[in-house]
Protein backbone atom coordinates (compact mmCIF):
# COMPACT_ATOMS: atom_id res chain seq x y z
CA UNK A 1 42.05 109.26 20.49
CA UNK A 2 40.87 110.03 24.01
CA UNK A 3 37.04 110.62 23.66
CA UNK A 4 37.26 114.06 25.92
CA UNK A 5 40.16 115.70 23.57
CA UNK A 6 38.23 114.65 20.29
CA UNK A 7 34.96 116.13 21.58
CA UNK A 8 37.00 119.84 22.45
CA UNK A 9 38.80 119.41 18.67
CA UNK A 10 35.24 118.83 16.68
CA UNK A 11 33.77 121.99 18.98
CA UNK A 12 37.21 124.46 19.01
CA UNK A 13 36.22 127.32 16.21
CA UNK A 14 40.08 128.26 16.07
CA UNK A 15 42.07 125.48 15.12
CA UNK A 16 44.95 125.90 12.41
CA UNK A 17 43.08 127.03 9.09
CA UNK A 18 44.08 126.72 5.41
CA UNK A 19 43.35 129.41 2.85
CA UNK A 20 40.48 128.76 0.19
CA UNK A 21 42.96 128.10 -2.58
CA UNK A 22 44.75 125.10 -0.58
CA UNK A 23 41.43 123.61 0.02
CA UNK A 24 40.59 123.74 -3.79
CA UNK A 25 43.97 122.61 -4.55
CA UNK A 26 43.57 119.52 -2.10
CA UNK A 27 40.28 118.51 -3.63
CA UNK A 28 41.60 118.32 -7.38
CA UNK A 29 44.49 116.28 -5.50
CA UNK A 30 42.31 113.72 -4.77
CA UNK A 31 40.85 113.55 -8.34
CA UNK A 32 42.10 111.71 -11.27
CA UNK A 33 40.42 114.00 -13.70
CA UNK A 34 43.00 117.15 -12.56
CA UNK A 35 44.32 119.25 -15.15
CA UNK A 36 47.12 122.01 -15.12
CA UNK A 37 44.55 124.83 -16.84
CA UNK A 38 42.01 124.35 -13.65
CA UNK A 39 45.24 124.36 -10.99
CA UNK A 40 46.65 127.01 -12.60
CA UNK A 41 43.30 129.11 -12.20
CA UNK A 42 43.13 128.21 -8.62
CA UNK A 43 46.57 129.42 -7.75
CA UNK A 44 46.22 132.59 -9.85
CA UNK A 45 43.86 133.73 -7.09
CA UNK A 46 46.61 133.58 -4.58
CA UNK A 47 49.45 135.91 -6.14
CA UNK A 48 51.77 135.58 -3.73
CA UNK A 49 51.70 131.67 -3.58
CA UNK A 50 51.77 131.29 -7.64
CA UNK A 51 55.09 133.84 -7.36
CA UNK A 52 56.88 131.51 -4.82
CA UNK A 53 56.01 128.59 -7.48
CA UNK A 54 57.17 130.64 -10.45
CA UNK A 55 60.20 131.93 -8.65
CA UNK A 56 60.66 127.65 -7.48
CA UNK A 57 60.22 127.04 -10.99
CA UNK A 58 62.67 129.53 -12.28
CA UNK A 59 65.52 128.03 -9.86
CA UNK A 60 68.85 126.54 -10.85
CA UNK A 61 67.41 123.08 -9.51
CA UNK A 62 64.68 122.83 -12.20
CA UNK A 63 66.83 123.99 -14.56
CA UNK A 64 64.42 126.38 -16.84
CA UNK A 65 65.77 126.80 -20.70
CA UNK A 66 63.91 130.08 -20.77
CA UNK A 67 62.53 132.15 -18.26
CA UNK A 68 59.17 131.10 -16.46
CA UNK A 69 56.90 133.86 -16.20
CA UNK A 70 53.19 131.98 -15.80
CA UNK A 71 52.22 129.64 -13.36
CA UNK A 72 51.40 127.30 -16.46
CA UNK A 73 54.09 127.58 -17.26
CA UNK A 74 55.81 126.18 -13.90
CA UNK A 75 52.91 123.37 -14.35
CA UNK A 76 54.36 122.28 -17.43
CA UNK A 77 58.07 122.94 -16.49
CA UNK A 78 57.82 121.16 -13.09
CA UNK A 79 54.44 118.57 -13.59
CA UNK A 80 51.30 118.91 -12.10
CA UNK A 81 51.24 116.63 -9.13
CA UNK A 82 54.49 117.91 -7.77
CA UNK A 83 53.36 122.05 -8.49
CA UNK A 84 50.38 120.87 -6.50
CA UNK A 85 52.64 119.57 -3.77
CA UNK A 86 54.29 122.44 -3.76
CA UNK A 87 51.38 124.85 -3.12
CA UNK A 88 49.99 122.92 -0.83
CA UNK A 89 53.56 123.06 1.03
CA UNK A 90 53.81 127.18 0.52
CA UNK A 91 50.20 126.92 2.23
CA UNK A 92 50.58 124.82 5.26
CA UNK A 93 54.01 126.35 5.75
CA UNK A 94 52.19 129.64 5.81
CA UNK A 95 49.20 128.11 8.16
CA UNK A 96 51.91 127.10 10.29
CA UNK A 97 53.91 130.55 10.09
CA UNK A 98 50.60 132.28 11.59
CA UNK A 99 49.58 129.60 13.63
CA UNK A 100 48.95 131.03 17.44
CA UNK A 101 51.58 128.99 19.31
CA UNK A 102 50.92 130.37 22.71
CA UNK A 103 53.60 129.12 24.94
CA UNK A 104 55.22 126.95 22.29
CA UNK A 105 58.33 128.03 21.12
CA UNK A 106 57.96 129.20 17.31
CA UNK A 107 61.11 129.58 16.23
CA UNK A 108 61.85 125.94 17.42
CA UNK A 109 59.14 124.45 16.33
CA UNK A 110 59.13 126.18 13.00
CA UNK A 111 63.24 125.13 11.85
CA UNK A 112 61.96 121.37 13.03
CA UNK A 113 59.42 121.43 10.68
CA UNK A 114 61.30 123.23 7.98
CA UNK A 115 64.31 120.25 8.51
CA UNK A 116 61.64 117.49 8.69
CA UNK A 117 60.67 118.42 5.35
CA UNK A 118 64.01 118.84 3.88
CA UNK A 119 65.25 115.36 4.95
CA UNK A 120 62.07 113.34 4.35
CA UNK A 121 62.71 114.09 0.48
CA UNK A 122 66.49 113.51 1.01
CA UNK A 123 65.40 109.98 2.58
CA UNK A 124 63.14 109.59 -0.43
CA UNK A 125 65.46 110.50 -2.92
CA UNK A 126 68.11 108.08 -1.42
CA UNK A 127 65.22 105.35 -1.09
CA UNK A 128 64.51 106.18 -4.71
CA UNK A 129 60.57 106.85 -3.41
CA UNK A 130 58.27 107.88 -6.00
CA UNK A 131 57.40 111.73 -5.99
CA UNK A 132 59.91 112.91 -3.35
CA UNK A 133 57.93 116.27 -2.91
CA UNK A 134 55.54 114.27 -1.59
CA UNK A 135 57.31 113.93 0.99
CA UNK A 136 58.41 117.48 1.81
CA UNK A 137 55.65 118.55 2.48
CA UNK A 138 54.80 115.15 5.24
CA UNK A 139 57.61 116.22 6.88
CA UNK A 140 56.70 120.01 7.15
CA UNK A 141 52.98 118.61 8.30
CA UNK A 142 54.00 115.17 10.49
CA UNK A 143 53.73 117.67 14.15
CA UNK A 144 50.85 119.62 13.01
CA UNK A 145 48.96 117.88 15.60
CA UNK A 146 51.03 120.02 18.28
CA UNK A 147 49.46 123.48 17.14
CA UNK A 148 45.93 121.60 17.28
CA UNK A 149 46.56 120.77 20.99
CA UNK A 150 48.27 123.42 22.25
CA UNK A 151 45.26 125.33 20.74
CA UNK A 152 42.71 123.43 22.52
CA UNK A 153 44.59 122.67 25.78
CA UNK A 154 47.07 125.41 26.01
CA UNK A 155 48.25 125.62 29.73
CA UNK A 156 48.47 121.73 30.36
CA UNK A 157 50.32 121.52 26.62
CA UNK A 158 52.56 124.37 27.74
CA UNK A 159 53.78 122.73 30.76
CA UNK A 160 54.37 119.54 29.18
CA UNK A 161 56.27 121.27 26.01
CA UNK A 162 58.18 122.81 28.12
CA UNK A 163 59.11 120.19 30.71
CA UNK A 164 60.11 117.74 27.38
CA UNK A 165 63.63 117.47 26.93
CA UNK A 166 63.46 116.13 22.89
CA UNK A 167 60.33 115.20 20.81
CA UNK A 168 60.13 111.60 22.14
CA UNK A 169 59.91 112.17 25.54
CA UNK A 170 57.15 114.83 24.70
CA UNK A 171 55.03 111.93 22.97
CA UNK A 172 55.42 109.98 25.77
CA UNK A 173 54.12 113.02 28.36
CA UNK A 174 51.88 113.43 25.43
CA UNK A 175 50.58 109.84 26.38
CA UNK A 176 50.37 110.44 29.70
CA UNK A 177 48.80 113.48 30.11
CA UNK A 178 45.96 113.36 27.25
CA UNK A 179 45.77 109.77 26.66
CA UNK A 180 46.45 110.71 22.95
CA UNK A 181 49.15 112.19 21.08
CA UNK A 182 49.94 114.97 18.54
CA UNK A 183 50.25 112.04 15.51
CA UNK A 184 46.76 111.43 16.46
CA UNK A 185 45.63 115.23 16.61
CA UNK A 186 47.70 115.62 13.19
CA UNK A 187 45.96 112.62 11.28
CA UNK A 188 42.82 113.95 12.40
CA UNK A 189 43.24 117.36 11.80
CA UNK A 190 44.50 116.20 8.34
CA UNK A 191 41.49 114.32 7.52
CA UNK A 192 39.15 117.14 8.95
CA UNK A 193 41.03 119.47 6.13
CA UNK A 194 40.18 116.43 3.68
CA UNK A 195 44.23 115.72 3.15
CA UNK A 196 44.53 112.48 0.67
CA UNK A 197 45.08 109.56 2.66
CA UNK A 198 48.44 109.04 1.73
CA UNK A 199 49.59 111.87 4.16
CA UNK A 200 47.34 110.98 6.78
CA UNK A 201 48.86 107.47 7.27
CA UNK A 202 51.96 108.68 7.00
CA UNK A 203 51.33 110.96 9.54
CA UNK A 204 49.66 108.29 11.49
CA UNK A 205 52.68 106.09 11.48
CA UNK A 206 55.71 108.85 11.63
CA UNK A 207 56.20 107.95 15.51
CA UNK A 208 56.14 104.42 15.30
CA UNK A 209 59.60 102.27 15.99
CA UNK A 210 61.36 100.91 12.89
CA UNK A 211 62.24 97.37 12.14
CA UNK A 212 64.25 96.31 8.50
CA UNK A 213 60.72 95.11 7.77
CA UNK A 214 59.56 98.83 7.56
CA UNK A 215 57.75 99.92 4.51
CA UNK A 216 60.61 102.58 3.43
CA UNK A 217 57.72 105.08 3.24
CA UNK A 218 57.44 105.00 6.81
CA UNK A 219 61.05 104.74 7.59
CA UNK A 220 61.24 107.80 5.54
CA UNK A 221 58.60 110.12 7.64
CA UNK A 222 60.16 108.23 10.79
CA UNK A 223 63.43 108.94 10.80
CA UNK A 224 62.70 112.72 9.07
CA UNK A 225 61.69 113.44 12.74
CA UNK A 226 64.64 111.73 14.27
CA UNK A 227 67.00 113.61 12.01
CA UNK A 228 65.90 116.93 12.74
CA UNK A 229 66.29 116.80 16.06
CA UNK A 230 69.95 117.14 15.02
CA UNK A 231 69.42 121.04 14.45
CA UNK A 232 67.06 121.62 18.12
CA UNK A 233 69.21 119.97 20.33
CA UNK A 234 72.31 120.23 22.27
CA UNK A 235 73.84 117.31 22.47
CA UNK A 236 74.00 116.29 18.63
CA UNK A 237 76.53 113.48 19.27
CA UNK A 238 73.76 111.51 21.67
CA UNK A 239 71.58 111.99 18.92
CA UNK A 240 73.54 111.12 16.11
CA UNK A 241 74.63 107.90 17.98
CA UNK A 242 71.01 106.81 18.22
CA UNK A 243 70.41 107.36 14.83
CA UNK A 244 73.92 105.14 14.30
CA UNK A 245 72.17 102.35 16.05
CA UNK A 246 68.54 102.68 14.88
CA UNK A 247 69.48 103.22 11.35
CA UNK A 248 71.91 100.12 11.97
CA UNK A 249 68.93 98.38 13.41
CA UNK A 250 66.76 99.04 10.70
CA UNK A 251 69.09 97.92 8.01
CA UNK A 252 68.28 101.23 6.32
CA UNK A 253 71.53 103.65 6.81
CA UNK A 254 75.18 103.04 6.91
CA UNK A 255 77.60 106.32 8.14
CA UNK A 256 78.79 106.89 4.32
CA UNK A 257 74.41 107.33 3.47
CA UNK A 258 73.93 109.27 7.32
CA UNK A 259 76.50 111.62 5.90
CA UNK A 260 75.47 111.80 2.33
CA UNK A 261 71.66 112.77 3.50
CA UNK A 262 72.82 115.14 5.81
CA UNK A 263 74.80 117.22 3.19
CA UNK A 264 71.93 117.28 0.90
CA UNK A 265 69.50 118.89 3.77
CA UNK A 266 72.72 121.33 4.10
CA UNK A 267 72.86 122.34 0.62
CA UNK A 268 69.06 122.65 0.31
CA UNK A 269 68.99 125.12 3.60
CA UNK A 270 69.75 128.24 1.39
CA UNK A 271 66.82 127.54 -0.66
CA UNK A 272 64.64 126.70 1.89
CA UNK A 273 65.79 130.19 3.94
CA UNK A 274 64.67 132.15 0.58
CA UNK A 275 62.25 130.46 -0.14
CA UNK A 276 60.32 130.41 3.72
CA UNK A 277 61.71 133.58 4.56
CA UNK A 278 63.94 131.76 7.49
CA UNK A 279 67.44 131.88 8.72
CA UNK A 280 68.19 127.96 9.57
CA UNK A 281 71.56 127.58 10.37
CA UNK A 282 73.93 123.94 10.81
CA UNK A 283 76.06 124.33 13.65
CA UNK A 284 77.75 120.72 12.85
CA UNK A 285 79.87 119.46 10.63
CA UNK A 286 78.48 115.97 9.24
CA UNK A 287 81.57 114.24 9.06
CA UNK A 288 82.64 114.85 12.01
CA UNK A 289 79.65 114.46 14.58
CA UNK A 290 79.26 110.71 12.84
CA UNK A 291 82.86 110.24 13.58
CA UNK A 292 82.50 111.84 17.59
CA UNK A 293 79.07 109.60 17.83
CA UNK A 294 80.99 106.46 16.60
CA UNK A 295 83.84 107.05 19.42
CA UNK A 296 80.90 108.16 21.83
CA UNK A 297 79.15 104.55 21.18
CA UNK A 298 82.23 102.67 21.19
CA UNK A 299 83.08 104.10 24.48
CA UNK A 300 79.43 103.43 25.71
CA UNK A 301 79.82 99.96 24.61
CA UNK A 302 82.49 99.06 26.50
CA UNK A 303 81.26 100.96 29.67
CA UNK A 304 78.19 98.94 29.07
CA UNK A 305 80.04 95.74 28.86
CA UNK A 306 82.27 95.98 32.00
CA UNK A 307 79.02 97.01 33.88
CA UNK A 308 77.56 94.00 32.64
CA UNK A 309 80.50 91.52 33.97
CA UNK A 310 80.53 93.32 36.82
CA UNK A 311 76.41 93.07 37.66
CA UNK A 312 77.57 89.07 36.41
CA UNK A 313 80.08 88.53 39.50
CA UNK A 314 77.71 90.16 41.63
CA UNK A 315 74.90 87.76 40.65
CA UNK A 316 77.23 84.90 41.24
CA UNK A 317 78.51 85.77 44.38
CA UNK A 318 74.52 86.86 45.70
CA UNK A 319 73.58 82.98 44.38
CA UNK A 320 76.84 81.45 46.23
CA UNK A 321 75.90 83.01 49.62
CA UNK A 322 72.12 82.18 48.82
CA UNK A 323 73.09 78.87 49.04
CA UNK A 324 74.90 78.97 52.18
CA UNK A 325 72.36 80.77 53.92
CA UNK A 326 69.88 78.19 52.52
CA UNK A 327 72.56 75.30 53.66
CA UNK A 328 72.89 77.00 56.97
CA UNK A 329 68.69 77.18 57.50
CA UNK A 330 68.93 73.43 56.53
CA UNK A 331 71.14 72.58 59.31
CA UNK A 332 69.49 74.66 61.91
CA UNK A 333 66.05 72.97 61.14
CA UNK A 334 67.84 69.66 61.35
CA UNK A 335 68.85 70.52 64.54
CA UNK A 336 65.84 71.65 66.23
CA UNK A 337 64.12 67.83 64.84
CA UNK A 338 67.10 65.22 65.58
CA UNK A 339 68.84 64.30 68.85
CA UNK A 340 72.68 65.32 68.07
CA UNK A 341 73.71 62.31 69.05
CA UNK A 342 71.92 59.46 67.24
CA UNK A 343 70.41 61.44 64.33
CA UNK A 344 66.94 60.53 65.31
CA UNK A 345 63.98 62.59 65.54
CA UNK A 346 63.79 64.47 69.18
CA UNK A 347 60.81 64.04 71.22
CA UNK A 348 59.51 67.31 70.21
CA UNK A 349 59.62 66.39 66.76
CA UNK A 350 57.80 63.01 66.96
CA UNK A 351 55.25 64.67 68.89
CA UNK A 352 54.29 66.86 66.35
CA UNK A 353 54.28 64.49 63.84
CA UNK A 354 52.90 62.38 65.98
CA UNK A 355 49.51 64.39 66.46
CA UNK A 356 49.43 65.36 62.32
CA UNK A 357 49.48 61.43 61.81
CA UNK A 358 46.74 61.12 64.70
CA UNK A 359 44.40 63.97 63.17
CA UNK A 360 45.30 62.48 59.28
CA UNK A 361 43.78 58.79 60.79
CA UNK A 362 40.74 60.17 62.11
CA UNK A 363 39.91 62.34 59.14
CA UNK A 364 40.56 59.70 56.53
CA UNK A 365 39.52 56.82 58.94
CA UNK A 366 42.51 55.05 58.31
CA UNK A 367 44.23 52.66 60.99
CA UNK A 368 47.50 54.26 62.91
CA UNK A 369 49.91 52.44 64.11
CA UNK A 370 53.19 53.24 66.30
CA UNK A 371 55.79 51.12 66.75
CA UNK A 372 58.56 51.24 70.29
CA UNK A 373 61.98 49.77 69.73
CA UNK A 374 64.30 49.18 72.66
CA UNK A 375 67.56 48.94 71.97
CA UNK A 376 69.73 46.46 74.99
CA UNK A 377 72.65 47.40 76.64
CA UNK A 378 72.03 51.42 75.33
CA UNK A 379 73.51 52.81 78.46
CA UNK A 380 76.77 51.04 77.63
CA UNK A 381 76.64 53.22 74.13
CA UNK A 382 75.42 56.36 76.00
CA UNK A 383 78.45 56.01 78.43
CA UNK A 384 80.97 55.59 75.67
CA UNK A 385 80.25 58.28 73.26
CA UNK A 386 78.61 61.04 75.26
CA UNK A 387 80.60 63.86 76.62
């Protein structure tokens, strides 16, 4: 990270902060001896947080046989790890939601965070990764560095934030303007909060380029960010086309799997809207959007192939013209050096090379020989062939 930016972060007193309850949960999340009773006692200190977790434990997704009434019952139903992850998700959500956005678009940013979280969890399920809820939290907080950059450099960051047409372009603008990105700042902020290395490392790699050899955990968080763009960009066809191409490059998703992931996210939206008090709507139908994107890719590929063919023709023509120019140049040089009738060097060129030979002879102390040839009756040749 740029040293000047790091110094501002370390000295800033108004960075996004977490409730004490969340900090205590983070501390216990890193310990091997955490127990459900201790976590329950911590969560009960925040009634609003505890009630959300109990409500989620009572949701249809967790198939409660009997009503869950206490946070201890919720932990028993969902498990300690999942409960702590959900508690942190709710705490981070509140911190992000309550943060001063200055010149940033609060609604768009918050929507992107929640969609990214839902997609990360859906991809984790698809890849059969351990504890998918962890990826919901990772997706939720992967852009938290934007809030910190906006806090310490509000005016400068506001300019590039509103100038960027998409998230990838914002990342490049950050690099150019600050010599650091919100990814680096976000990883620093998570470390500052004491988050487990699992989340810090995921955020560090959340905007890297994936390939078929990338770790599945990295793929989940990288593509979560890319899929979230479908809910915030106007040109969803172009974005879906990129996702189809990149998914194929990474040997990760085919079009049917992408459709299943998007359908899974859509099925989660009512629950997300209820829990986080939002109103996120999907403005596209996954199957139709994928087909439209495929047609767009075919059209673009055909256009690129035609452009490539035209370029090759132009290159071939240019090479031919260049060869002709070089041949003309060589012919002109020969005409300047040689007698047109006999083809031997003319007097001007002989004087030039003689002077060079004489200079070289003096420099190297070697003999220089000049030979004169006389052709008898050359006048007859000259009279016969020269016009």
